[in-house]
Amino acid sequence: EFSKEIKHKINNKTKPLGSLGTLETIAEKLCLI
């Protein structure tokens, strides 16, 4: 359930949505862990 908050932080970085690709997935997993 914490993923929604993590993705909000990632999506509000100064970049187009999803533009850091796998790095975004890794960052989300680190935050969850």
PDB file of all heavy atoms in Angstrom:
ATOM      1  N   GLU A   1       0.825  -1.214   0.000  1.00  0.00           N
ATOM      2  CA  GLU A   1       0.000   0.000   0.000  1.00  0.00           C
ATOM      3  C   GLU A   1       0.860   1.265   0.000  1.00  0.00           C
ATOM      4  O   GLU A   1       0.404   2.338  -0.407  1.00  0.00           O
ATOM      5  CB  GLU A   1      -0.938   0.004   1.211  1.00  0.00           C
ATOM      6  CG  GLU A   1      -1.991  -1.105   1.152  1.00  0.00           C
ATOM      7  CD  GLU A   1      -2.923  -1.079   2.344  1.00  0.00           C
ATOM      8  OE1 GLU A   1      -2.792  -0.170   3.191  1.00  0.00           O
ATOM      9  OE2 GLU A   1      -3.786  -1.982   2.433  1.00  0.00           O
ATOM     10  N   PHE A   2       2.103   1.132   0.432  1.00  0.00           N
ATOM     11  CA  PHE A   2       3.025   2.271   0.457  1.00  0.00           C
ATOM     12  C   PHE A   2       3.459   2.665  -0.957  1.00  0.00           C
ATOM     13  O   PHE A   2       3.953   3.769  -1.180  1.00  0.00           O
ATOM     14  CB  PHE A   2       4.238   1.895   1.315  1.00  0.00           C
ATOM     15  CG  PHE A   2       5.194   3.014   1.612  1.00  0.00           C
ATOM     16  CD1 PHE A   2       4.759   4.313   1.860  1.00  0.00           C
ATOM     17  CD2 PHE A   2       6.564   2.765   1.661  1.00  0.00           C
ATOM     18  CE1 PHE A   2       5.660   5.329   2.140  1.00  0.00           C
ATOM     19  CE2 PHE A   2       7.468   3.768   1.941  1.00  0.00           C
ATOM     20  CZ  PHE A   2       7.012   5.059   2.183  1.00  0.00           C
ATOM     21  N   SER A   3       3.250   1.777  -1.923  1.00  0.00           N
ATOM     22  CA  SER A   3       3.689   2.042  -3.300  1.00  0.00           C
ATOM     23  C   SER A   3       3.072   3.308  -3.877  1.00  0.00           C
ATOM     24  O   SER A   3       3.714   4.028  -4.651  1.00  0.00           O
ATOM     25  CB  SER A   3       3.347   0.858  -4.206  1.00  0.00           C
ATOM     26  OG  SER A   3       4.252  -0.194  -4.026  1.00  0.00           O
ATOM     27  N   LYS A   4       1.830   3.584  -3.531  1.00  0.00           N
ATOM     28  CA  LYS A   4       1.158   4.771  -4.071  1.00  0.00           C
ATOM     29  C   LYS A   4       1.904   6.045  -3.679  1.00  0.00           C
ATOM     30  O   LYS A   4       2.119   6.940  -4.505  1.00  0.00           O
ATOM     31  CB  LYS A   4      -0.281   4.830  -3.575  1.00  0.00           C
ATOM     32  CG  LYS A   4      -1.093   5.963  -4.179  1.00  0.00           C
ATOM     33  CD  LYS A   4      -2.549   5.892  -3.726  1.00  0.00           C
ATOM     34  CE  LYS A   4      -3.357   7.020  -4.348  1.00  0.00           C
ATOM     35  NZ  LYS A   4      -4.787   6.979  -3.911  1.00  0.00           N
ATOM     36  N   GLU A   5       2.343   6.122  -2.423  1.00  0.00           N
ATOM     37  CA  GLU A   5       3.083   7.291  -1.944  1.00  0.00           C
ATOM     38  C   GLU A   5       4.463   7.364  -2.602  1.00  0.00           C
ATOM     39  O   GLU A   5       4.940   8.457  -2.960  1.00  0.00           O
ATOM     40  CB  GLU A   5       3.209   7.210  -0.414  1.00  0.00           C
ATOM     41  CG  GLU A   5       3.689   8.491   0.234  1.00  0.00           C
ATOM     42  CD  GLU A   5       3.657   8.422   1.747  1.00  0.00           C
ATOM     43  OE1 GLU A   5       2.998   7.514   2.297  1.00  0.00           O
ATOM     44  OE2 GLU A   5       4.299   9.293   2.390  1.00  0.00           O
ATOM     45  N   ILE A   6       5.100   6.206  -2.766  1.00  0.00           N
ATOM     46  CA  ILE A   6       6.416   6.174  -3.420  1.00  0.00           C
ATOM     47  C   ILE A   6       6.304   6.653  -4.863  1.00  0.00           C
ATOM     48  O   ILE A   6       7.096   7.492  -5.329  1.00  0.00           O
ATOM     49  CB  ILE A   6       7.002   4.754  -3.375  1.00  0.00           C
ATOM     50  CG1 ILE A   6       7.176   4.267  -1.932  1.00  0.00           C
ATOM     51  CG2 ILE A   6       8.353   4.710  -4.109  1.00  0.00           C
ATOM     52  CD1 ILE A   6       7.431   2.779  -1.816  1.00  0.00           C
ATOM     53  N   LYS A   7       5.338   6.126  -5.581  1.00  0.00           N
ATOM     54  CA  LYS A   7       5.167   6.500  -6.989  1.00  0.00           C
ATOM     55  C   LYS A   7       4.830   7.973  -7.142  1.00  0.00           C
ATOM     56  O   LYS A   7       5.246   8.621  -8.113  1.00  0.00           O
ATOM     57  CB  LYS A   7       4.094   5.619  -7.631  1.00  0.00           C
ATOM     58  CG  LYS A   7       4.551   4.189  -7.849  1.00  0.00           C
ATOM     59  CD  LYS A   7       3.437   3.310  -8.395  1.00  0.00           C
ATOM     60  CE  LYS A   7       3.923   1.889  -8.628  1.00  0.00           C
ATOM     61  NZ  LYS A   7       2.836   0.967  -9.033  1.00  0.00           N
ATOM     62  N   HIS A   8       4.091   8.512  -6.183  1.00  0.00           N
ATOM     63  CA  HIS A   8       3.792   9.949  -6.223  1.00  0.00           C
ATOM     64  C   HIS A   8       5.081  10.765  -6.141  1.00  0.00           C
ATOM     65  O   HIS A   8       5.261  11.731  -6.884  1.00  0.00           O
ATOM     66  CB  HIS A   8       2.854  10.320  -5.071  1.00  0.00           C
ATOM     67  CG  HIS A   8       2.546  11.789  -5.003  1.00  0.00           C
ATOM     68  ND1 HIS A   8       1.650  12.416  -5.851  1.00  0.00           N
ATOM     69  CD2 HIS A   8       3.043  12.767  -4.196  1.00  0.00           C
ATOM     70  CE1 HIS A   8       1.593  13.711  -5.569  1.00  0.00           C
ATOM     71  NE2 HIS A   8       2.435  13.942  -4.563  1.00  0.00           N
ATOM     72  N   LYS A   9       5.994  10.354  -5.251  1.00  0.00           N
ATOM     73  CA  LYS A   9       7.268  11.066  -5.137  1.00  0.00           C
ATOM     74  C   LYS A   9       8.071  10.930  -6.423  1.00  0.00           C
ATOM     75  O   LYS A   9       8.635  11.918  -6.927  1.00  0.00           O
ATOM     76  CB  LYS A   9       8.079  10.524  -3.953  1.00  0.00           C
ATOM     77  CG  LYS A   9       9.424  11.253  -3.773  1.00  0.00           C
ATOM     78  CD  LYS A   9      10.190  10.785  -2.545  1.00  0.00           C
ATOM     79  CE  LYS A   9      11.503  11.579  -2.417  1.00  0.00           C
ATOM     80  NZ  LYS A   9      12.295  11.149  -1.234  1.00  0.00           N
ATOM     81  N   ILE A  10       8.135   9.716  -6.970  1.00  0.00           N
ATOM     82  CA  ILE A  10       8.895   9.492  -8.208  1.00  0.00           C
ATOM     83  C   ILE A  10       8.309  10.294  -9.360  1.00  0.00           C
ATOM     84  O   ILE A  10       9.037  10.929 -10.142  1.00  0.00           O
ATOM     85  CB  ILE A  10       8.913   7.987  -8.538  1.00  0.00           C
ATOM     86  CG1 ILE A  10       9.776   7.221  -7.526  1.00  0.00           C
ATOM     87  CG2 ILE A  10       9.440   7.747  -9.964  1.00  0.00           C
ATOM     88  CD1 ILE A  10       9.685   5.718  -7.645  1.00  0.00           C
ATOM     89  N   ASN A  11       6.985  10.298  -9.472  1.00  0.00           N
ATOM     90  CA  ASN A  11       6.330  10.964 -10.600  1.00  0.00           C
ATOM     91  C   ASN A  11       6.401  12.481 -10.523  1.00  0.00           C
ATOM     92  O   ASN A  11       6.154  13.165 -11.525  1.00  0.00           O
ATOM     93  CB  ASN A  11       4.873  10.520 -10.696  1.00  0.00           C
ATOM     94  CG  ASN A  11       4.740   9.076 -11.139  1.00  0.00           C
ATOM     95  OD1 ASN A  11       5.665   8.504 -11.708  1.00  0.00           O
ATOM     96  ND2 ASN A  11       3.591   8.476 -10.867  1.00  0.00           N
ATOM     97  N   ASN A  12       6.733  13.006  -9.352  1.00  0.00           N
ATOM     98  CA  ASN A  12       6.831  14.457  -9.208  1.00  0.00           C
ATOM     99  C   ASN A  12       8.264  14.965  -9.288  1.00  0.00           C
ATOM    100  O   ASN A  12       8.526  16.136  -9.010  1.00  0.00           O
ATOM    101  CB  ASN A  12       6.164  14.908  -7.905  1.00  0.00           C
ATOM    102  CG  ASN A  12       4.660  15.033  -8.060  1.00  0.00           C
ATOM    103  OD1 ASN A  12       4.153  16.034  -8.528  1.00  0.00           O
ATOM    104  ND2 ASN A  12       3.941  13.976  -7.688  1.00  0.00           N
ATOM    105  N   LYS A  13       9.188  14.095  -9.674  1.00  0.00           N
ATOM    106  CA  LYS A  13      10.538  14.553  -9.980  1.00  0.00           C
ATOM    107  C   LYS A  13      10.523  15.288 -11.322  1.00  0.00           C
ATOM    108  O   LYS A  13       9.612  15.101 -12.134  1.00  0.00           O
ATOM    109  CB  LYS A  13      11.495  13.353 -10.051  1.00  0.00           C
ATOM    110  CG  LYS A  13      11.672  12.596  -8.732  1.00  0.00           C
ATOM    111  CD  LYS A  13      12.308  13.437  -7.656  1.00  0.00           C
ATOM    112  CE  LYS A  13      12.565  12.649  -6.389  1.00  0.00           C
ATOM    113  NZ  LYS A  13      13.195  13.483  -5.325  1.00  0.00           N
ATOM    114  N   THR A  14      11.516  16.129 -11.548  1.00  0.00           N
ATOM    115  CA  THR A  14      11.545  16.945 -12.769  1.00  0.00           C
ATOM    116  C   THR A  14      11.957  16.103 -13.979  1.00  0.00           C
ATOM    117  O   THR A  14      13.093  16.166 -14.464  1.00  0.00           O
ATOM    118  CB  THR A  14      12.500  18.137 -12.597  1.00  0.00           C
ATOM    119  OG1 THR A  14      13.753  17.655 -12.068  1.00  0.00           O
ATOM    120  CG2 THR A  14      11.933  19.171 -11.667  1.00  0.00           C
ATOM    121  N   LYS A  15      10.994  15.343 -14.462  1.00  0.00           N
ATOM    122  CA  LYS A  15      11.214  14.439 -15.594  1.00  0.00           C
ATOM    123  C   LYS A  15       9.852  14.009 -16.129  1.00  0.00           C
ATOM    124  O   LYS A  15       8.846  14.049 -15.405  1.00  0.00           O
ATOM    125  CB  LYS A  15      12.004  13.203 -15.147  1.00  0.00           C
ATOM    126  CG  LYS A  15      11.261  12.389 -14.101  1.00  0.00           C
ATOM    127  CD  LYS A  15      11.964  11.121 -13.709  1.00  0.00           C
ATOM    128  CE  LYS A  15      11.110  10.342 -12.716  1.00  0.00           C
ATOM    129  NZ  LYS A  15       9.786   9.957 -13.241  1.00  0.00           N
ATOM    130  N   PRO A  16       9.798  13.572 -17.379  1.00  0.00           N
ATOM    131  CA  PRO A  16       8.556  12.974 -17.877  1.00  0.00           C
ATOM    132  C   PRO A  16       8.231  11.691 -17.126  1.00  0.00           C
ATOM    133  O   PRO A  16       9.117  10.994 -16.638  1.00  0.00           O
ATOM    134  CB  PRO A  16       8.873  12.685 -19.358  1.00  0.00           C
ATOM    135  CG  PRO A  16      10.017  13.583 -19.691  1.00  0.00           C
ATOM    136  CD  PRO A  16      10.815  13.724 -18.433  1.00  0.00           C
ATOM    137  N   LEU A  17       6.950  11.371 -17.027  1.00  0.00           N
ATOM    138  CA  LEU A  17       6.523  10.167 -16.324  1.00  0.00           C
ATOM    139  C   LEU A  17       7.207   8.921 -16.898  1.00  0.00           C
ATOM    140  O   LEU A  17       7.218   8.721 -18.119  1.00  0.00           O
ATOM    141  CB  LEU A  17       5.008   9.996 -16.424  1.00  0.00           C
ATOM    142  CG  LEU A  17       4.143  10.932 -15.578  1.00  0.00           C
ATOM    143  CD1 LEU A  17       2.666  10.715 -15.897  1.00  0.00           C
ATOM    144  CD2 LEU A  17       4.407  10.705 -14.096  1.00  0.00           C
ATOM    145  N   GLY A  18       7.780   8.110 -16.018  1.00  0.00           N
ATOM    146  CA  GLY A  18       8.375   6.851 -16.423  1.00  0.00           C
ATOM    147  C   GLY A  18       9.682   6.952 -17.168  1.00  0.00           C
ATOM    148  O   GLY A  18      10.227   5.940 -17.628  1.00  0.00           O
ATOM    149  N   SER A  19      10.249   8.148 -17.269  1.00  0.00           N
ATOM    150  CA  SER A  19      11.407   8.336 -18.149  1.00  0.00           C
ATOM    151  C   SER A  19      12.707   7.784 -17.583  1.00  0.00           C
ATOM    152  O   SER A  19      13.694   7.677 -18.312  1.00  0.00           O
ATOM    153  CB  SER A  19      11.584   9.829 -18.469  1.00  0.00           C
ATOM    154  OG  SER A  19      11.774  10.578 -17.276  1.00  0.00           O
ATOM    155  N   LEU A  20      12.740   7.404 -16.309  1.00  0.00           N
ATOM    156  CA  LEU A  20      13.928   6.750 -15.761  1.00  0.00           C
ATOM    157  C   LEU A  20      13.780   5.223 -15.728  1.00  0.00           C
ATOM    158  O   LEU A  20      14.624   4.528 -15.156  1.00  0.00           O
ATOM    159  CB  LEU A  20      14.266   7.295 -14.371  1.00  0.00           C
ATOM    160  CG  LEU A  20      14.940   8.676 -14.390  1.00  0.00           C
ATOM    161  CD1 LEU A  20      15.197   9.176 -12.970  1.00  0.00           C
ATOM    162  CD2 LEU A  20      16.253   8.650 -15.173  1.00  0.00           C
ATOM    163  N   GLY A  21      12.734   4.741 -16.342  1.00  0.00           N
ATOM    164  CA  GLY A  21      12.592   3.311 -16.600  1.00  0.00           C
ATOM    165  C   GLY A  21      12.835   2.414 -15.394  1.00  0.00           C
ATOM    166  O   GLY A  21      12.205   2.584 -14.343  1.00  0.00           O
ATOM    167  N   THR A  22      13.752   1.477 -15.557  1.00  0.00           N
ATOM    168  CA  THR A  22      14.027   0.490 -14.516  1.00  0.00           C
ATOM    169  C   THR A  22      14.528   1.126 -13.225  1.00  0.00           C
ATOM    170  O   THR A  22      14.305   0.587 -12.133  1.00  0.00           O
ATOM    171  CB  THR A  22      15.047  -0.548 -15.034  1.00  0.00           C
ATOM    172  OG1 THR A  22      14.518  -1.185 -16.195  1.00  0.00           O
ATOM    173  CG2 THR A  22      15.357  -1.605 -13.987  1.00  0.00           C
ATOM    174  N   LEU A  23      15.194   2.275 -13.325  1.00  0.00           N
ATOM    175  CA  LEU A  23      15.636   2.953 -12.102  1.00  0.00           C
ATOM    176  C   LEU A  23      14.453   3.272 -11.196  1.00  0.00           C
ATOM    177  O   LEU A  23      14.565   3.231  -9.963  1.00  0.00           O
ATOM    178  CB  LEU A  23      16.391   4.243 -12.438  1.00  0.00           C
ATOM    179  CG  LEU A  23      17.807   4.117 -12.994  1.00  0.00           C
ATOM    180  CD1 LEU A  23      18.409   5.506 -13.183  1.00  0.00           C
ATOM    181  CD2 LEU A  23      18.694   3.275 -12.092  1.00  0.00           C
ATOM    182  N   GLU A  24      13.324   3.605 -11.781  1.00  0.00           N
ATOM    183  CA  GLU A  24      12.134   3.917 -10.993  1.00  0.00           C
ATOM    184  C   GLU A  24      11.625   2.676 -10.274  1.00  0.00           C
ATOM    185  O   GLU A  24      11.223   2.729  -9.108  1.00  0.00           O
ATOM    186  CB  GLU A  24      11.055   4.530 -11.888  1.00  0.00           C
ATOM    187  CG  GLU A  24      11.488   5.839 -12.536  1.00  0.00           C
ATOM    188  CD  GLU A  24      10.378   6.526 -13.310  1.00  0.00           C
ATOM    189  OE1 GLU A  24       9.187   6.169 -13.123  1.00  0.00           O
ATOM    190  OE2 GLU A  24      10.684   7.446 -14.102  1.00  0.00           O
ATOM    191  N   THR A  25      11.660   1.546 -10.957  1.00  0.00           N
ATOM    192  CA  THR A  25      11.240   0.286 -10.341  1.00  0.00           C
ATOM    193  C   THR A  25      12.161  -0.091  -9.186  1.00  0.00           C
ATOM    194  O   THR A  25      11.703  -0.530  -8.122  1.00  0.00           O
ATOM    195  CB  THR A  25      11.246  -0.841 -11.389  1.00  0.00           C
ATOM    196  OG1 THR A  25      10.442  -0.454 -12.505  1.00  0.00           O
ATOM    197  CG2 THR A  25      10.712  -2.131 -10.807  1.00  0.00           C
ATOM    198  N   ILE A  26      13.469   0.085  -9.387  1.00  0.00           N
ATOM    199  CA  ILE A  26      14.432  -0.229  -8.329  1.00  0.00           C
ATOM    200  C   ILE A  26      14.231   0.701  -7.137  1.00  0.00           C
ATOM    201  O   ILE A  26      14.234   0.257  -5.977  1.00  0.00           O
ATOM    202  CB  ILE A  26      15.875  -0.127  -8.862  1.00  0.00           C
ATOM    203  CG1 ILE A  26      16.121  -1.169  -9.953  1.00  0.00           C
ATOM    204  CG2 ILE A  26      16.888  -0.307  -7.721  1.00  0.00           C
ATOM    205  CD1 ILE A  26      17.435  -0.975 -10.697  1.00  0.00           C
ATOM    206  N   ALA A  27      14.060   1.984  -7.407  1.00  0.00           N
ATOM    207  CA  ALA A  27      13.851   2.951  -6.320  1.00  0.00           C
ATOM    208  C   ALA A  27      12.611   2.600  -5.512  1.00  0.00           C
ATOM    209  O   ALA A  27      12.624   2.656  -4.267  1.00  0.00           O
ATOM    210  CB  ALA A  27      13.732   4.358  -6.897  1.00  0.00           C
ATOM    211  N   GLU A  28      11.553   2.218  -6.201  1.00  0.00           N
ATOM    212  CA  GLU A  28      10.328   1.833  -5.493  1.00  0.00           C
ATOM    213  C   GLU A  28      10.579   0.637  -4.586  1.00  0.00           C
ATOM    214  O   GLU A  28      10.126   0.598  -3.437  1.00  0.00           O
ATOM    215  CB  GLU A  28       9.213   1.526  -6.497  1.00  0.00           C
ATOM    216  CG  GLU A  28       7.909   1.126  -5.829  1.00  0.00           C
ATOM    217  CD  GLU A  28       6.823   0.751  -6.822  1.00  0.00           C
ATOM    218  OE1 GLU A  28       7.040   0.891  -8.048  1.00  0.00           O
ATOM    219  OE2 GLU A  28       5.747   0.302  -6.362  1.00  0.00           O
ATOM    220  N   LYS A  29      11.321  -0.347  -5.101  1.00  0.00           N
ATOM    221  CA  LYS A  29      11.585  -1.541  -4.296  1.00  0.00           C
ATOM    222  C   LYS A  29      12.446  -1.203  -3.080  1.00  0.00           C
ATOM    223  O   LYS A  29      12.208  -1.722  -1.977  1.00  0.00           O
ATOM    224  CB  LYS A  29      12.256  -2.612  -5.146  1.00  0.00           C
ATOM    225  CG  LYS A  29      12.352  -3.960  -4.450  1.00  0.00           C
ATOM    226  CD  LYS A  29      11.993  -5.098  -5.378  1.00  0.00           C
ATOM    227  CE  LYS A  29      11.696  -6.375  -4.643  1.00  0.00           C
ATOM    228  NZ  LYS A  29      11.330  -7.477  -5.546  1.00  0.00           N
ATOM    229  N   LEU A  30      13.448  -0.358  -3.261  1.00  0.00           N
ATOM    230  CA  LEU A  30      14.270   0.051  -2.115  1.00  0.00           C
ATOM    231  C   LEU A  30      13.419   0.731  -1.055  1.00  0.00           C
ATOM    232  O   LEU A  30      13.579   0.481   0.150  1.00  0.00           O
ATOM    233  CB  LEU A  30      15.381   0.993  -2.576  1.00  0.00           C
ATOM    234  CG  LEU A  30      16.485   0.394  -3.453  1.00  0.00           C
ATOM    235  CD1 LEU A  30      17.425   1.498  -3.938  1.00  0.00           C
ATOM    236  CD2 LEU A  30      17.279  -0.681  -2.713  1.00  0.00           C
ATOM    237  N   CYS A  31      12.510   1.588  -1.486  1.00  0.00           N
ATOM    238  CA  CYS A  31      11.628   2.274  -0.539  1.00  0.00           C
ATOM    239  C   CYS A  31      10.721   1.288   0.188  1.00  0.00           C
ATOM    240  O   CYS A  31      10.500   1.406   1.401  1.00  0.00           O
ATOM    241  CB  CYS A  31      10.784   3.315  -1.268  1.00  0.00           C
ATOM    242  SG  CYS A  31      11.696   4.755  -1.863  1.00  0.00           S
ATOM    243  N   LEU A  32      10.193   0.314  -0.534  1.00  0.00           N
ATOM    244  CA  LEU A  32       9.334  -0.687   0.092  1.00  0.00           C
ATOM    245  C   LEU A  32      10.103  -1.526   1.108  1.00  0.00           C
ATOM    246  O   LEU A  32       9.619  -1.781   2.219  1.00  0.00           O
ATOM    247  CB  LEU A  32       8.737  -1.598  -0.983  1.00  0.00           C
ATOM    248  CG  LEU A  32       7.607  -1.017  -1.831  1.00  0.00           C
ATOM    249  CD1 LEU A  32       7.280  -1.945  -2.992  1.00  0.00           C
ATOM    250  CD2 LEU A  32       6.359  -0.765  -0.985  1.00  0.00           C
ATOM    251  N   ILE A  33      11.305  -1.948   0.747  1.00  0.00           N
ATOM    252  CA  ILE A  33      12.113  -2.772   1.648  1.00  0.00           C
ATOM    253  C   ILE A  33      12.435  -2.016   2.929  1.00  0.00           C
ATOM    254  O   ILE A  33      12.335  -2.562   4.038  1.00  0.00           O
ATOM    255  CB  ILE A  33      13.407  -3.226   0.946  1.00  0.00           C
ATOM    256  CG1 ILE A  33      13.084  -4.250  -0.154  1.00  0.00           C
ATOM    257  CG2 ILE A  33      14.405  -3.824   1.955  1.00  0.00           C
ATOM    258  CD1 ILE A  33      14.257  -4.576  -1.065  1.00  0.00           C
TER     259      ILE A  33
END
